[in-house]
Amino acid sequence: MPSPGAHPSPVSETIHSLIVCNQCDLLLKVTLLEPGGKASCDRCGNVLYRSQHHGLQRSLVFALTSAVLFLVANAFPIVTISSNGLTNSTTLIEAADRLIRDGLPSIAILVFVTTFLMPALEIMALIYLLLPLSLGRIPPGLSKAFRLVHLVKPWAMVEVFMMGLLVTITKLNAFASVSPDIALGSFVLLMISLTLAVVNFDAHYFWRQVEILKNNKDRA
């Protein structure tokens, strides 16, 4: 299963968990890889998973960074609009509230869920999983938090919000003076940081570390 250049550790022979190739449905045994290695399907050559060097540590750092950026992005105004001597600025939560007052509750709920609630749940779930693990502990409700990360990911659409916001700013410039505020830059950095946190989250190594901690606890 491992591709050339990926050398399984001898302890991989003791691992009996299985994985199904998502391309050809072949059932294969999970192999412990050296950092930087990758495992491929014997039948179709599809890359099943990779072993990222210090992936969980990087994922935790980016998750913590995302938490700080998320707070800043939602605490400060996104843009300031000036027209005919009048100036107005709003945060994301205030924008959702404005949509409700304007008779657009469905859009307000969609904005709130995809750009506030789901990213917040994703960030909290990552930190909840990785911070205790880095301290040698297993958090309660581990499997539920792990599933939450994968469930909320398709609904965390910060990048879609940013694209829509940039288009809106471009169009508004024809009628008013639009100045980006600190939250706009924070949203851009949040989009990058959260993506890196998810990309560096090595699920196979994560569960391997959990198993090691459980075995050490049983021996104690």
N, C-alpha and C. Protein backbone atom coordinates (compact mmCIF):
# COMPACT_ATOMS: atom_id res chain seq x y z
N MET A 1 0.80 -1.22 0.00
CA MET A 1 0.00 0.00 0.00
C MET A 1 0.83 1.27 0.00
N PRO A 2 1.87 1.41 0.83
CA PRO A 2 2.64 2.64 0.81
C PRO A 2 3.31 2.83 -0.53
N SER A 3 3.36 4.06 -0.99
CA SER A 3 4.02 4.38 -2.24
C SER A 3 5.51 4.40 -2.04
N PRO A 4 6.29 4.39 -3.15
CA PRO A 4 7.75 4.44 -3.01
C PRO A 4 8.18 5.66 -2.21
N GLY A 5 9.08 5.47 -1.31
CA GLY A 5 9.58 6.58 -0.49
C GLY A 5 8.93 6.65 0.87
N ALA A 6 7.77 5.91 1.03
CA ALA A 6 7.11 5.88 2.34
C ALA A 6 7.47 4.58 3.03
N HIS A 7 8.17 4.66 4.15
CA HIS A 7 8.69 3.48 4.84
C HIS A 7 7.93 3.27 6.14
N PRO A 8 7.02 2.30 6.21
CA PRO A 8 6.27 2.08 7.44
C PRO A 8 7.18 1.71 8.60
N SER A 9 6.81 2.17 9.77
CA SER A 9 7.55 1.82 10.97
C SER A 9 7.26 0.37 11.34
N PRO A 10 8.18 -0.31 12.04
CA PRO A 10 7.92 -1.69 12.45
C PRO A 10 6.67 -1.84 13.32
N VAL A 11 6.32 -0.78 14.07
CA VAL A 11 5.14 -0.89 14.92
C VAL A 11 3.86 -0.92 14.12
N SER A 12 3.94 -0.63 12.80
CA SER A 12 2.74 -0.66 11.98
C SER A 12 2.15 -2.04 11.89
N GLU A 13 2.95 -3.08 12.13
CA GLU A 13 2.46 -4.44 12.06
C GLU A 13 1.46 -4.74 13.18
N THR A 14 1.47 -3.91 14.22
CA THR A 14 0.56 -4.14 15.34
C THR A 14 -0.75 -3.37 15.16
N ILE A 15 -0.85 -2.58 14.09
CA ILE A 15 -2.05 -1.78 13.86
C ILE A 15 -3.00 -2.56 12.96
N HIS A 16 -4.21 -2.79 13.43
CA HIS A 16 -5.14 -3.63 12.69
C HIS A 16 -6.36 -2.87 12.19
N SER A 17 -6.35 -1.55 12.30
CA SER A 17 -7.47 -0.77 11.78
C SER A 17 -7.44 -0.80 10.25
N LEU A 18 -8.60 -0.63 9.67
CA LEU A 18 -8.75 -0.73 8.22
C LEU A 18 -9.24 0.58 7.65
N ILE A 19 -9.01 0.76 6.35
CA ILE A 19 -9.46 1.94 5.64
C ILE A 19 -9.99 1.51 4.28
N VAL A 20 -11.02 2.21 3.82
CA VAL A 20 -11.62 1.90 2.51
C VAL A 20 -11.22 2.99 1.53
N CYS A 21 -10.70 2.60 0.38
CA CYS A 21 -10.35 3.56 -0.66
C CYS A 21 -11.63 4.23 -1.17
N ASN A 22 -11.63 5.56 -1.18
CA ASN A 22 -12.84 6.27 -1.60
C ASN A 22 -12.99 6.34 -3.12
N GLN A 23 -12.06 5.71 -3.84
CA GLN A 23 -12.15 5.68 -5.30
C GLN A 23 -12.61 4.32 -5.82
N CYS A 24 -12.07 3.23 -5.27
CA CYS A 24 -12.40 1.89 -5.78
C CYS A 24 -12.96 0.96 -4.71
N ASP A 25 -13.13 1.45 -3.47
CA ASP A 25 -13.75 0.69 -2.36
C ASP A 25 -12.92 -0.51 -1.90
N LEU A 26 -11.64 -0.53 -2.20
CA LEU A 26 -10.79 -1.62 -1.74
C LEU A 26 -10.52 -1.44 -0.24
N LEU A 27 -10.64 -2.53 0.51
CA LEU A 27 -10.39 -2.51 1.95
C LEU A 27 -8.92 -2.79 2.22
N LEU A 28 -8.27 -1.88 2.94
CA LEU A 28 -6.83 -1.98 3.17
C LEU A 28 -6.51 -1.75 4.64
N LYS A 29 -5.36 -2.25 5.06
CA LYS A 29 -4.92 -2.06 6.43
C LYS A 29 -4.17 -0.73 6.56
N VAL A 30 -4.49 0.01 7.61
CA VAL A 30 -3.82 1.28 7.86
C VAL A 30 -2.37 1.01 8.25
N THR A 31 -1.46 1.76 7.64
CA THR A 31 -0.04 1.58 7.89
C THR A 31 0.54 2.84 8.54
N LEU A 32 1.38 2.68 9.52
CA LEU A 32 2.06 3.80 10.16
C LEU A 32 3.19 4.26 9.26
N LEU A 33 3.17 5.54 8.89
CA LEU A 33 4.14 6.09 7.95
C LEU A 33 5.17 6.97 8.65
N GLU A 34 6.29 7.10 8.00
CA GLU A 34 7.28 8.08 8.43
C GLU A 34 6.76 9.47 8.10
N PRO A 35 7.19 10.51 8.84
CA PRO A 35 6.76 11.88 8.52
C PRO A 35 7.06 12.24 7.07
N GLY A 36 6.05 12.75 6.39
CA GLY A 36 6.20 13.12 4.99
C GLY A 36 5.82 12.02 4.02
N GLY A 37 5.59 10.79 4.51
CA GLY A 37 5.23 9.69 3.64
C GLY A 37 3.76 9.71 3.28
N LYS A 38 3.37 8.86 2.34
CA LYS A 38 1.98 8.77 1.95
C LYS A 38 1.62 7.32 1.66
N ALA A 39 0.35 6.99 1.87
CA ALA A 39 -0.13 5.64 1.61
C ALA A 39 -1.07 5.68 0.42
N SER A 40 -0.88 4.76 -0.53
CA SER A 40 -1.68 4.73 -1.75
C SER A 40 -2.40 3.40 -1.87
N CYS A 41 -3.51 3.41 -2.60
CA CYS A 41 -4.30 2.21 -2.82
C CYS A 41 -3.56 1.25 -3.75
N ASP A 42 -3.54 -0.05 -3.39
CA ASP A 42 -2.87 -1.05 -4.21
C ASP A 42 -3.56 -1.21 -5.57
N ARG A 43 -4.87 -0.98 -5.61
CA ARG A 43 -5.61 -1.25 -6.84
C ARG A 43 -5.59 -0.08 -7.82
N CYS A 44 -5.92 1.12 -7.33
CA CYS A 44 -6.08 2.25 -8.26
C CYS A 44 -5.02 3.33 -8.09
N GLY A 45 -4.18 3.23 -7.06
CA GLY A 45 -3.12 4.22 -6.86
C GLY A 45 -3.57 5.50 -6.20
N ASN A 46 -4.84 5.57 -5.77
CA ASN A 46 -5.35 6.77 -5.10
C ASN A 46 -4.62 6.99 -3.77
N VAL A 47 -4.26 8.25 -3.49
CA VAL A 47 -3.60 8.58 -2.23
C VAL A 47 -4.64 8.52 -1.11
N LEU A 48 -4.43 7.63 -0.16
CA LEU A 48 -5.37 7.43 0.93
C LEU A 48 -5.18 8.44 2.06
N TYR A 49 -3.95 8.64 2.45
CA TYR A 49 -3.64 9.61 3.50
C TYR A 49 -2.14 9.88 3.49
N ARG A 50 -1.77 10.97 4.13
CA ARG A 50 -0.37 11.37 4.23
C ARG A 50 0.00 11.54 5.69
N SER A 51 1.27 11.42 5.98
CA SER A 51 1.76 11.66 7.33
C SER A 51 2.48 13.01 7.33
N GLN A 52 1.87 13.99 8.00
CA GLN A 52 2.43 15.34 8.00
C GLN A 52 3.34 15.53 9.22
N HIS A 53 4.50 16.06 8.96
CA HIS A 53 5.48 16.28 10.03
C HIS A 53 4.99 17.41 10.94
N HIS A 54 4.77 17.10 12.23
CA HIS A 54 4.27 18.07 13.21
C HIS A 54 2.93 18.67 12.77
N GLY A 55 2.12 17.89 12.06
CA GLY A 55 0.84 18.39 11.55
C GLY A 55 -0.11 18.82 12.65
N LEU A 56 -0.22 18.01 13.72
CA LEU A 56 -1.16 18.35 14.80
C LEU A 56 -0.72 19.60 15.55
N GLN A 57 0.59 19.77 15.74
CA GLN A 57 1.08 20.98 16.41
C GLN A 57 0.78 22.22 15.58
N ARG A 58 1.01 22.13 14.27
CA ARG A 58 0.71 23.26 13.40
C ARG A 58 -0.80 23.54 13.38
N SER A 59 -1.59 22.48 13.35
CA SER A 59 -3.04 22.65 13.33
C SER A 59 -3.52 23.37 14.59
N LEU A 60 -2.95 23.02 15.75
CA LEU A 60 -3.32 23.68 17.00
C LEU A 60 -2.94 25.16 16.98
N VAL A 61 -1.74 25.46 16.50
CA VAL A 61 -1.30 26.86 16.43
C VAL A 61 -2.23 27.67 15.54
N PHE A 62 -2.57 27.12 14.38
CA PHE A 62 -3.46 27.85 13.46
C PHE A 62 -4.88 27.94 14.02
N ALA A 63 -5.32 26.93 14.76
CA ALA A 63 -6.65 26.98 15.37
C ALA A 63 -6.71 28.07 16.43
N LEU A 64 -5.67 28.17 17.27
CA LEU A 64 -5.62 29.22 18.29
C LEU A 64 -5.55 30.60 17.63
N THR A 65 -4.78 30.70 16.55
CA THR A 65 -4.70 31.96 15.81
C THR A 65 -6.06 32.32 15.23
N SER A 66 -6.76 31.31 14.71
CA SER A 66 -8.09 31.53 14.14
C SER A 66 -9.06 32.03 15.20
N ALA A 67 -8.93 31.52 16.43
CA ALA A 67 -9.81 31.95 17.51
C ALA A 67 -9.63 33.44 17.80
N VAL A 68 -8.39 33.88 17.84
CA VAL A 68 -8.11 35.30 18.09
C VAL A 68 -8.64 36.15 16.94
N LEU A 69 -8.37 35.73 15.72
CA LEU A 69 -8.84 36.47 14.54
C LEU A 69 -10.36 36.51 14.47
N PHE A 70 -10.99 35.41 14.87
CA PHE A 70 -12.46 35.35 14.86
C PHE A 70 -13.05 36.37 15.82
N LEU A 71 -12.46 36.49 17.01
CA LEU A 71 -12.94 37.47 17.99
C LEU A 71 -12.77 38.89 17.47
N VAL A 72 -11.61 39.17 16.87
CA VAL A 72 -11.36 40.51 16.34
C VAL A 72 -12.31 40.81 15.18
N ALA A 73 -12.49 39.83 14.28
CA ALA A 73 -13.33 40.02 13.11
C ALA A 73 -14.78 40.32 13.47
N ASN A 74 -15.23 39.80 14.61
CA ASN A 74 -16.63 39.99 14.99
C ASN A 74 -16.82 41.09 16.02
N ALA A 75 -15.74 41.62 16.56
CA ALA A 75 -15.84 42.68 17.56
C ALA A 75 -15.74 44.07 16.95
N PHE A 76 -15.16 44.18 15.76
CA PHE A 76 -14.93 45.48 15.13
C PHE A 76 -15.72 45.58 13.82
N PRO A 77 -15.95 46.80 13.35
CA PRO A 77 -16.68 46.98 12.09
C PRO A 77 -15.93 46.38 10.90
N ILE A 78 -16.70 45.94 9.91
CA ILE A 78 -16.12 45.37 8.70
C ILE A 78 -15.72 46.48 7.74
N VAL A 79 -16.65 47.37 7.45
CA VAL A 79 -16.38 48.51 6.57
C VAL A 79 -17.08 49.75 7.13
N THR A 80 -16.61 50.91 6.70
CA THR A 80 -17.25 52.19 7.02
C THR A 80 -17.70 52.83 5.72
N ILE A 81 -18.98 53.18 5.65
CA ILE A 81 -19.56 53.76 4.44
C ILE A 81 -19.89 55.22 4.71
N SER A 82 -19.39 56.10 3.85
CA SER A 82 -19.63 57.54 3.99
C SER A 82 -20.32 58.06 2.73
N SER A 83 -21.41 58.80 2.92
CA SER A 83 -22.14 59.36 1.78
C SER A 83 -22.91 60.60 2.23
N ASN A 84 -22.72 61.70 1.51
CA ASN A 84 -23.42 62.96 1.80
C ASN A 84 -23.25 63.40 3.24
N GLY A 85 -22.05 63.22 3.75
CA GLY A 85 -21.75 63.65 5.10
C GLY A 85 -22.17 62.68 6.19
N LEU A 86 -22.82 61.59 5.81
CA LEU A 86 -23.25 60.59 6.79
C LEU A 86 -22.29 59.41 6.77
N THR A 87 -21.94 58.92 7.95
CA THR A 87 -21.01 57.80 8.08
C THR A 87 -21.68 56.66 8.84
N ASN A 88 -21.51 55.45 8.33
CA ASN A 88 -22.11 54.29 8.98
C ASN A 88 -21.14 53.12 8.91
N SER A 89 -21.01 52.40 10.01
CA SER A 89 -20.16 51.21 10.05
C SER A 89 -20.91 50.12 10.80
N THR A 90 -20.59 48.86 10.48
CA THR A 90 -21.32 47.76 11.10
C THR A 90 -20.45 46.54 11.25
N THR A 91 -20.75 45.76 12.29
CA THR A 91 -20.09 44.47 12.47
C THR A 91 -20.92 43.39 11.78
N LEU A 92 -20.41 42.17 11.75
CA LEU A 92 -21.13 41.08 11.13
C LEU A 92 -22.45 40.80 11.84
N ILE A 93 -22.44 40.78 13.17
CA ILE A 93 -23.66 40.52 13.93
C ILE A 93 -24.67 41.64 13.71
N GLU A 94 -24.20 42.88 13.67
CA GLU A 94 -25.10 44.00 13.42
C GLU A 94 -25.69 43.93 12.02
N ALA A 95 -24.91 43.43 11.06
CA ALA A 95 -25.41 43.29 9.69
C ALA A 95 -26.53 42.25 9.64
N ALA A 96 -26.36 41.14 10.36
CA ALA A 96 -27.42 40.12 10.41
C ALA A 96 -28.67 40.68 11.07
N ASP A 97 -28.48 41.46 12.14
CA ASP A 97 -29.62 42.08 12.82
C ASP A 97 -30.33 43.07 11.90
N ARG A 98 -29.56 43.81 11.10
CA ARG A 98 -30.14 44.77 10.16
C ARG A 98 -30.98 44.05 9.10
N LEU A 99 -30.51 42.89 8.65
CA LEU A 99 -31.26 42.12 7.67
C LEU A 99 -32.60 41.65 8.23
N ILE A 100 -32.61 41.27 9.50
CA ILE A 100 -33.86 40.86 10.14
C ILE A 100 -34.84 42.03 10.21
N ARG A 101 -34.34 43.20 10.60
CA ARG A 101 -35.20 44.38 10.70
C ARG A 101 -35.69 44.86 9.35
N ASP A 102 -34.93 44.52 8.28
CA ASP A 102 -35.34 44.89 6.92
C ASP A 102 -36.26 43.86 6.29
N GLY A 103 -36.66 42.85 7.07
CA GLY A 103 -37.60 41.87 6.56
C GLY A 103 -36.96 40.73 5.78
N LEU A 104 -35.68 40.45 6.05
CA LEU A 104 -34.98 39.36 5.35
C LEU A 104 -34.41 38.38 6.37
N PRO A 105 -35.27 37.76 7.18
CA PRO A 105 -34.77 36.87 8.23
C PRO A 105 -34.05 35.64 7.70
N SER A 106 -34.48 35.09 6.56
CA SER A 106 -33.85 33.88 6.02
C SER A 106 -32.40 34.16 5.62
N ILE A 107 -32.16 35.33 5.00
CA ILE A 107 -30.80 35.70 4.62
C ILE A 107 -29.96 35.98 5.86
N ALA A 108 -30.57 36.62 6.86
CA ALA A 108 -29.87 36.92 8.10
C ALA A 108 -29.42 35.63 8.79
N ILE A 109 -30.31 34.63 8.83
CA ILE A 109 -29.97 33.35 9.45
C ILE A 109 -28.85 32.67 8.68
N LEU A 110 -28.93 32.72 7.35
CA LEU A 110 -27.89 32.10 6.51
C LEU A 110 -26.54 32.75 6.75
N VAL A 111 -26.50 34.08 6.82
CA VAL A 111 -25.26 34.81 7.08
C VAL A 111 -24.71 34.45 8.46
N PHE A 112 -25.58 34.42 9.45
CA PHE A 112 -25.16 34.13 10.82
C PHE A 112 -24.60 32.71 10.94
N VAL A 113 -25.30 31.74 10.34
CA VAL A 113 -24.89 30.34 10.46
C VAL A 113 -23.59 30.08 9.73
N THR A 114 -23.46 30.54 8.49
CA THR A 114 -22.31 30.19 7.66
C THR A 114 -21.05 31.00 7.97
N THR A 115 -21.22 32.21 8.49
CA THR A 115 -20.04 33.05 8.71
C THR A 115 -19.73 33.30 10.18
N PHE A 116 -20.62 32.87 11.08
CA PHE A 116 -20.36 33.06 12.51
C PHE A 116 -20.46 31.74 13.28
N LEU A 117 -21.62 31.10 13.25
CA LEU A 117 -21.85 29.92 14.08
C LEU A 117 -20.96 28.74 13.68
N MET A 118 -20.97 28.38 12.40
CA MET A 118 -20.22 27.21 11.95
C MET A 118 -18.70 27.39 12.07
N PRO A 119 -18.15 28.54 11.65
CA PRO A 119 -16.70 28.73 11.89
C PRO A 119 -16.34 28.69 13.36
N ALA A 120 -17.21 29.25 14.23
CA ALA A 120 -16.95 29.23 15.67
C ALA A 120 -16.92 27.80 16.19
N LEU A 121 -17.88 26.98 15.75
CA LEU A 121 -17.92 25.57 16.18
C LEU A 121 -16.71 24.81 15.68
N GLU A 122 -16.29 25.09 14.44
CA GLU A 122 -15.13 24.40 13.88
C GLU A 122 -13.86 24.74 14.65
N ILE A 123 -13.67 26.01 14.95
CA ILE A 123 -12.48 26.44 15.69
C ILE A 123 -12.48 25.85 17.09
N MET A 124 -13.62 25.92 17.77
CA MET A 124 -13.70 25.40 19.14
C MET A 124 -13.48 23.89 19.18
N ALA A 125 -14.02 23.18 18.19
CA ALA A 125 -13.86 21.73 18.16
C ALA A 125 -12.39 21.35 17.94
N LEU A 126 -11.71 22.07 17.06
CA LEU A 126 -10.29 21.78 16.81
C LEU A 126 -9.46 22.01 18.07
N ILE A 127 -9.70 23.14 18.73
CA ILE A 127 -8.95 23.45 19.95
C ILE A 127 -9.29 22.44 21.05
N TYR A 128 -10.56 22.06 21.15
CA TYR A 128 -11.00 21.10 22.15
C TYR A 128 -10.33 19.75 21.96
N LEU A 129 -10.09 19.37 20.71
CA LEU A 129 -9.42 18.10 20.42
C LEU A 129 -7.91 18.16 20.62
N LEU A 130 -7.31 19.24 20.14
CA LEU A 130 -5.85 19.28 20.04
C LEU A 130 -5.15 19.81 21.28
N LEU A 131 -5.74 20.76 21.98
CA LEU A 131 -5.06 21.34 23.15
C LEU A 131 -4.87 20.31 24.27
N PRO A 132 -5.90 19.56 24.67
CA PRO A 132 -5.67 18.53 25.70
C PRO A 132 -4.69 17.46 25.23
N LEU A 133 -4.77 17.10 23.94
CA LEU A 133 -3.87 16.07 23.42
C LEU A 133 -2.42 16.52 23.51
N SER A 134 -2.17 17.81 23.26
CA SER A 134 -0.81 18.33 23.35
C SER A 134 -0.29 18.31 24.78
N LEU A 135 -1.23 18.26 25.75
CA LEU A 135 -0.86 18.20 27.17
C LEU A 135 -0.89 16.78 27.70
N GLY A 136 -1.07 15.82 26.80
CA GLY A 136 -1.09 14.41 27.20
C GLY A 136 -2.39 13.96 27.81
N ARG A 137 -3.49 14.59 27.45
CA ARG A 137 -4.79 14.24 27.99
C ARG A 137 -5.78 13.96 26.86
N ILE A 138 -6.79 13.15 27.18
CA ILE A 138 -7.85 12.85 26.22
C ILE A 138 -9.12 13.55 26.69
N PRO A 139 -9.66 14.49 25.89
CA PRO A 139 -10.85 15.21 26.33
C PRO A 139 -12.09 14.32 26.30
N PRO A 140 -13.04 14.53 27.20
CA PRO A 140 -14.29 13.77 27.15
C PRO A 140 -15.09 14.11 25.90
N GLY A 141 -15.88 13.16 25.42
CA GLY A 141 -16.66 13.40 24.20
C GLY A 141 -15.79 13.54 22.97
N LEU A 142 -14.68 12.81 22.94
CA LEU A 142 -13.69 12.94 21.87
C LEU A 142 -14.30 12.65 20.49
N SER A 143 -15.01 11.54 20.37
CA SER A 143 -15.55 11.14 19.06
C SER A 143 -16.59 12.15 18.56
N LYS A 144 -17.39 12.72 19.47
CA LYS A 144 -18.40 13.70 19.07
C LYS A 144 -17.74 14.98 18.55
N ALA A 145 -16.70 15.43 19.23
CA ALA A 145 -15.99 16.62 18.78
C ALA A 145 -15.31 16.39 17.44
N PHE A 146 -14.77 15.17 17.24
CA PHE A 146 -14.12 14.83 15.98
C PHE A 146 -15.14 14.85 14.84
N ARG A 147 -16.32 14.28 15.07
CA ARG A 147 -17.36 14.29 14.04
C ARG A 147 -17.84 15.71 13.77
N LEU A 148 -17.87 16.54 14.81
CA LEU A 148 -18.33 17.92 14.65
C LEU A 148 -17.44 18.69 13.67
N VAL A 149 -16.13 18.46 13.74
CA VAL A 149 -15.20 19.14 12.83
C VAL A 149 -15.58 18.86 11.38
N HIS A 150 -15.91 17.60 11.07
CA HIS A 150 -16.24 17.23 9.69
C HIS A 150 -17.66 17.63 9.31
N LEU A 151 -18.57 17.69 10.29
CA LEU A 151 -19.95 18.05 9.99
C LEU A 151 -20.10 19.54 9.66
N VAL A 152 -19.38 20.39 10.38
CA VAL A 152 -19.55 21.84 10.20
C VAL A 152 -18.72 22.39 9.05
N LYS A 153 -17.69 21.66 8.61
CA LYS A 153 -16.79 22.19 7.59
C LYS A 153 -17.51 22.64 6.33
N PRO A 154 -18.45 21.85 5.76
CA PRO A 154 -19.12 22.31 4.53
C PRO A 154 -19.96 23.56 4.72
N TRP A 155 -20.32 23.88 5.98
CA TRP A 155 -21.18 25.03 6.25
C TRP A 155 -20.41 26.27 6.71
N ALA A 156 -19.12 26.11 6.97
CA ALA A 156 -18.30 27.26 7.38
C ALA A 156 -17.79 27.95 6.12
N MET A 157 -18.48 28.99 5.71
CA MET A 157 -18.23 29.60 4.40
C MET A 157 -17.68 31.02 4.53
N VAL A 158 -16.61 31.18 5.28
CA VAL A 158 -16.01 32.50 5.43
C VAL A 158 -15.50 33.01 4.09
N GLU A 159 -14.94 32.11 3.27
CA GLU A 159 -14.41 32.53 1.97
C GLU A 159 -15.51 33.00 1.03
N VAL A 160 -16.70 32.36 1.09
CA VAL A 160 -17.83 32.79 0.26
C VAL A 160 -18.31 34.17 0.72
N PHE A 161 -18.36 34.36 2.04
CA PHE A 161 -18.74 35.66 2.58
C PHE A 161 -17.77 36.75 2.12
N MET A 162 -16.47 36.44 2.13
CA MET A 162 -15.48 37.42 1.72
C MET A 162 -15.64 37.79 0.25
N MET A 163 -15.91 36.80 -0.60
CA MET A 163 -16.11 37.08 -2.03
C MET A 163 -17.32 37.98 -2.23
N GLY A 164 -18.43 37.66 -1.55
CA GLY A 164 -19.62 38.49 -1.66
C GLY A 164 -19.40 39.90 -1.13
N LEU A 165 -18.65 40.00 -0.04
CA LEU A 165 -18.37 41.30 0.56
C LEU A 165 -17.53 42.16 -0.37
N LEU A 166 -16.51 41.56 -0.99
CA LEU A 166 -15.65 42.32 -1.90
C LEU A 166 -16.42 42.81 -3.13
N VAL A 167 -17.32 41.96 -3.63
CA VAL A 167 -18.15 42.38 -4.77
C VAL A 167 -19.05 43.54 -4.36
N THR A 168 -19.63 43.43 -3.15
CA THR A 168 -20.51 44.49 -2.66
C THR A 168 -19.75 45.80 -2.49
N ILE A 169 -18.56 45.73 -1.93
CA ILE A 169 -17.74 46.94 -1.74
C ILE A 169 -17.42 47.59 -3.08
N THR A 170 -17.09 46.77 -4.06
CA THR A 170 -16.77 47.29 -5.40
C THR A 170 -17.95 48.04 -5.99
N LYS A 171 -19.16 47.49 -5.84
CA LYS A 171 -20.35 48.14 -6.38
C LYS A 171 -20.73 49.39 -5.60
N LEU A 172 -20.54 49.36 -4.28
CA LEU A 172 -20.90 50.52 -3.46
C LEU A 172 -19.98 51.70 -3.71
N ASN A 173 -18.78 51.44 -4.17
CA ASN A 173 -17.83 52.53 -4.42
C ASN A 173 -18.34 53.53 -5.45
N ALA A 174 -19.30 53.09 -6.28
CA ALA A 174 -19.84 53.99 -7.30
C ALA A 174 -20.82 54.99 -6.69
N PHE A 175 -21.32 54.70 -5.48
CA PHE A 175 -22.33 55.57 -4.86
C PHE A 175 -21.86 56.21 -3.56
N ALA A 176 -20.86 55.64 -2.93
CA ALA A 176 -20.40 56.16 -1.64
C ALA A 176 -18.93 55.83 -1.44
N SER A 177 -18.37 56.45 -0.42
CA SER A 177 -16.98 56.17 -0.05
C SER A 177 -16.97 54.99 0.93
N VAL A 178 -16.31 53.90 0.53
CA VAL A 178 -16.27 52.70 1.36
C VAL A 178 -14.84 52.46 1.82
N SER A 179 -14.66 52.43 3.15
CA SER A 179 -13.32 52.22 3.72
C SER A 179 -13.29 50.92 4.50
N PRO A 180 -12.36 50.04 4.18
CA PRO A 180 -12.26 48.78 4.95
C PRO A 180 -11.79 49.04 6.37
N ASP A 181 -12.37 48.31 7.31
CA ASP A 181 -11.98 48.43 8.71
C ASP A 181 -11.19 47.20 9.14
N ILE A 182 -10.81 47.17 10.41
CA ILE A 182 -9.93 46.12 10.92
C ILE A 182 -10.54 44.73 10.77
N ALA A 183 -11.86 44.63 10.86
CA ALA A 183 -12.51 43.32 10.79
C ALA A 183 -12.36 42.69 9.41
N LEU A 184 -12.31 43.51 8.37
CA LEU A 184 -12.17 42.97 7.02
C LEU A 184 -10.84 42.24 6.86
N GLY A 185 -9.75 42.89 7.31
CA GLY A 185 -8.45 42.24 7.26
C GLY A 185 -8.40 41.00 8.14
N SER A 186 -9.10 41.06 9.28
CA SER A 186 -9.14 39.90 10.18
C SER A 186 -9.86 38.73 9.54
N PHE A 187 -10.92 39.02 8.78
CA PHE A 187 -11.65 37.96 8.09
C PHE A 187 -10.78 37.29 7.03
N VAL A 188 -9.98 38.08 6.33
CA VAL A 188 -9.08 37.53 5.32
C VAL A 188 -8.05 36.61 5.98
N LEU A 189 -7.45 37.07 7.06
CA LEU A 189 -6.47 36.25 7.78
C LEU A 189 -7.13 35.03 8.42
N LEU A 190 -8.37 35.19 8.89
CA LEU A 190 -9.12 34.07 9.46
C LEU A 190 -9.35 32.99 8.43
N MET A 191 -9.72 33.39 7.22
CA MET A 191 -9.95 32.43 6.14
C MET A 191 -8.69 31.61 5.87
N ILE A 192 -7.55 32.26 5.85
CA ILE A 192 -6.28 31.57 5.59
C ILE A 192 -5.90 30.68 6.77
N SER A 193 -6.01 31.23 7.98
CA SER A 193 -5.59 30.49 9.18
C SER A 193 -6.45 29.26 9.41
N LEU A 194 -7.76 29.39 9.24
CA LEU A 194 -8.66 28.26 9.47
C LEU A 194 -8.43 27.16 8.44
N THR A 195 -8.16 27.56 7.20
CA THR A 195 -7.86 26.58 6.16
C THR A 195 -6.60 25.80 6.49
N LEU A 196 -5.58 26.50 6.97
CA LEU A 196 -4.32 25.84 7.33
C LEU A 196 -4.50 24.93 8.55
N ALA A 197 -5.37 25.32 9.48
CA ALA A 197 -5.63 24.47 10.65
C ALA A 197 -6.26 23.15 10.23
N VAL A 198 -7.19 23.20 9.28
CA VAL A 198 -7.87 21.99 8.82
C VAL A 198 -6.94 21.14 7.97
N VAL A 199 -6.16 21.78 7.10
CA VAL A 199 -5.26 21.06 6.20
C VAL A 199 -4.20 20.30 6.99
N ASN A 200 -3.72 20.89 8.09
CA ASN A 200 -2.66 20.27 8.88
C ASN A 200 -3.18 19.26 9.90
N PHE A 201 -4.49 19.12 10.00
CA PHE A 201 -5.07 18.18 10.95
C PHE A 201 -4.94 16.76 10.38
N ASP A 202 -3.98 16.00 10.90
CA ASP A 202 -3.71 14.63 10.45
C ASP A 202 -4.55 13.67 11.29
N ALA A 203 -5.68 13.23 10.72
CA ALA A 203 -6.63 12.40 11.47
C ALA A 203 -6.02 11.06 11.89
N HIS A 204 -5.22 10.45 11.01
CA HIS A 204 -4.64 9.15 11.32
C HIS A 204 -3.64 9.26 12.47
N TYR A 205 -2.80 10.28 12.45
CA TYR A 205 -1.85 10.47 13.54
C TYR A 205 -2.57 10.87 14.82
N PHE A 206 -3.66 11.63 14.69
CA PHE A 206 -4.44 12.03 15.85
C PHE A 206 -4.95 10.81 16.60
N TRP A 207 -5.58 9.88 15.89
CA TRP A 207 -6.12 8.69 16.55
C TRP A 207 -5.02 7.78 17.06
N ARG A 208 -3.87 7.80 16.42
CA ARG A 208 -2.74 7.02 16.89
C ARG A 208 -2.26 7.56 18.23
N GLN A 209 -2.21 8.89 18.36
CA GLN A 209 -1.80 9.49 19.61
C GLN A 209 -2.83 9.21 20.72
N VAL A 210 -4.11 9.23 20.35
CA VAL A 210 -5.15 8.91 21.32
C VAL A 210 -4.98 7.48 21.83
N GLU A 211 -4.70 6.55 20.92
CA GLU A 211 -4.50 5.16 21.29
C GLU A 211 -3.30 4.99 22.21
N ILE A 212 -2.23 5.72 21.93
CA ILE A 212 -1.04 5.66 22.78
C ILE A 212 -1.36 6.16 24.18
N LEU A 213 -2.09 7.27 24.28
CA LEU A 213 -2.45 7.81 25.59
C LEU A 213 -3.36 6.85 26.36
N LYS A 214 -4.28 6.20 25.64
CA LYS A 214 -5.17 5.23 26.30
C LYS A 214 -4.37 4.03 26.83
N ASN A 215 -3.42 3.55 26.03
CA ASN A 215 -2.59 2.41 26.46
C ASN A 215 -1.73 2.78 27.67
N ASN A 216 -1.18 4.00 27.65
CA ASN A 216 -0.37 4.44 28.78
C ASN A 216 -1.21 4.57 30.05
N LYS A 217 -2.48 5.02 29.88
CA LYS A 217 -3.36 5.17 31.03
C LYS A 217 -3.73 3.81 31.60
N ASP A 218 -3.93 2.83 30.71
CA ASP A 218 -4.28 1.47 31.17
C ASP A 218 -3.14 0.81 31.93
N ARG A 219 -1.91 1.14 31.52
CA ARG A 219 -0.74 0.54 32.19
C ARG A 219 -0.46 1.18 33.54
N ALA A 220 -0.90 2.45 33.66
CA ALA A 220 -0.61 3.18 34.91
C ALA A 220 -1.40 2.63 36.09
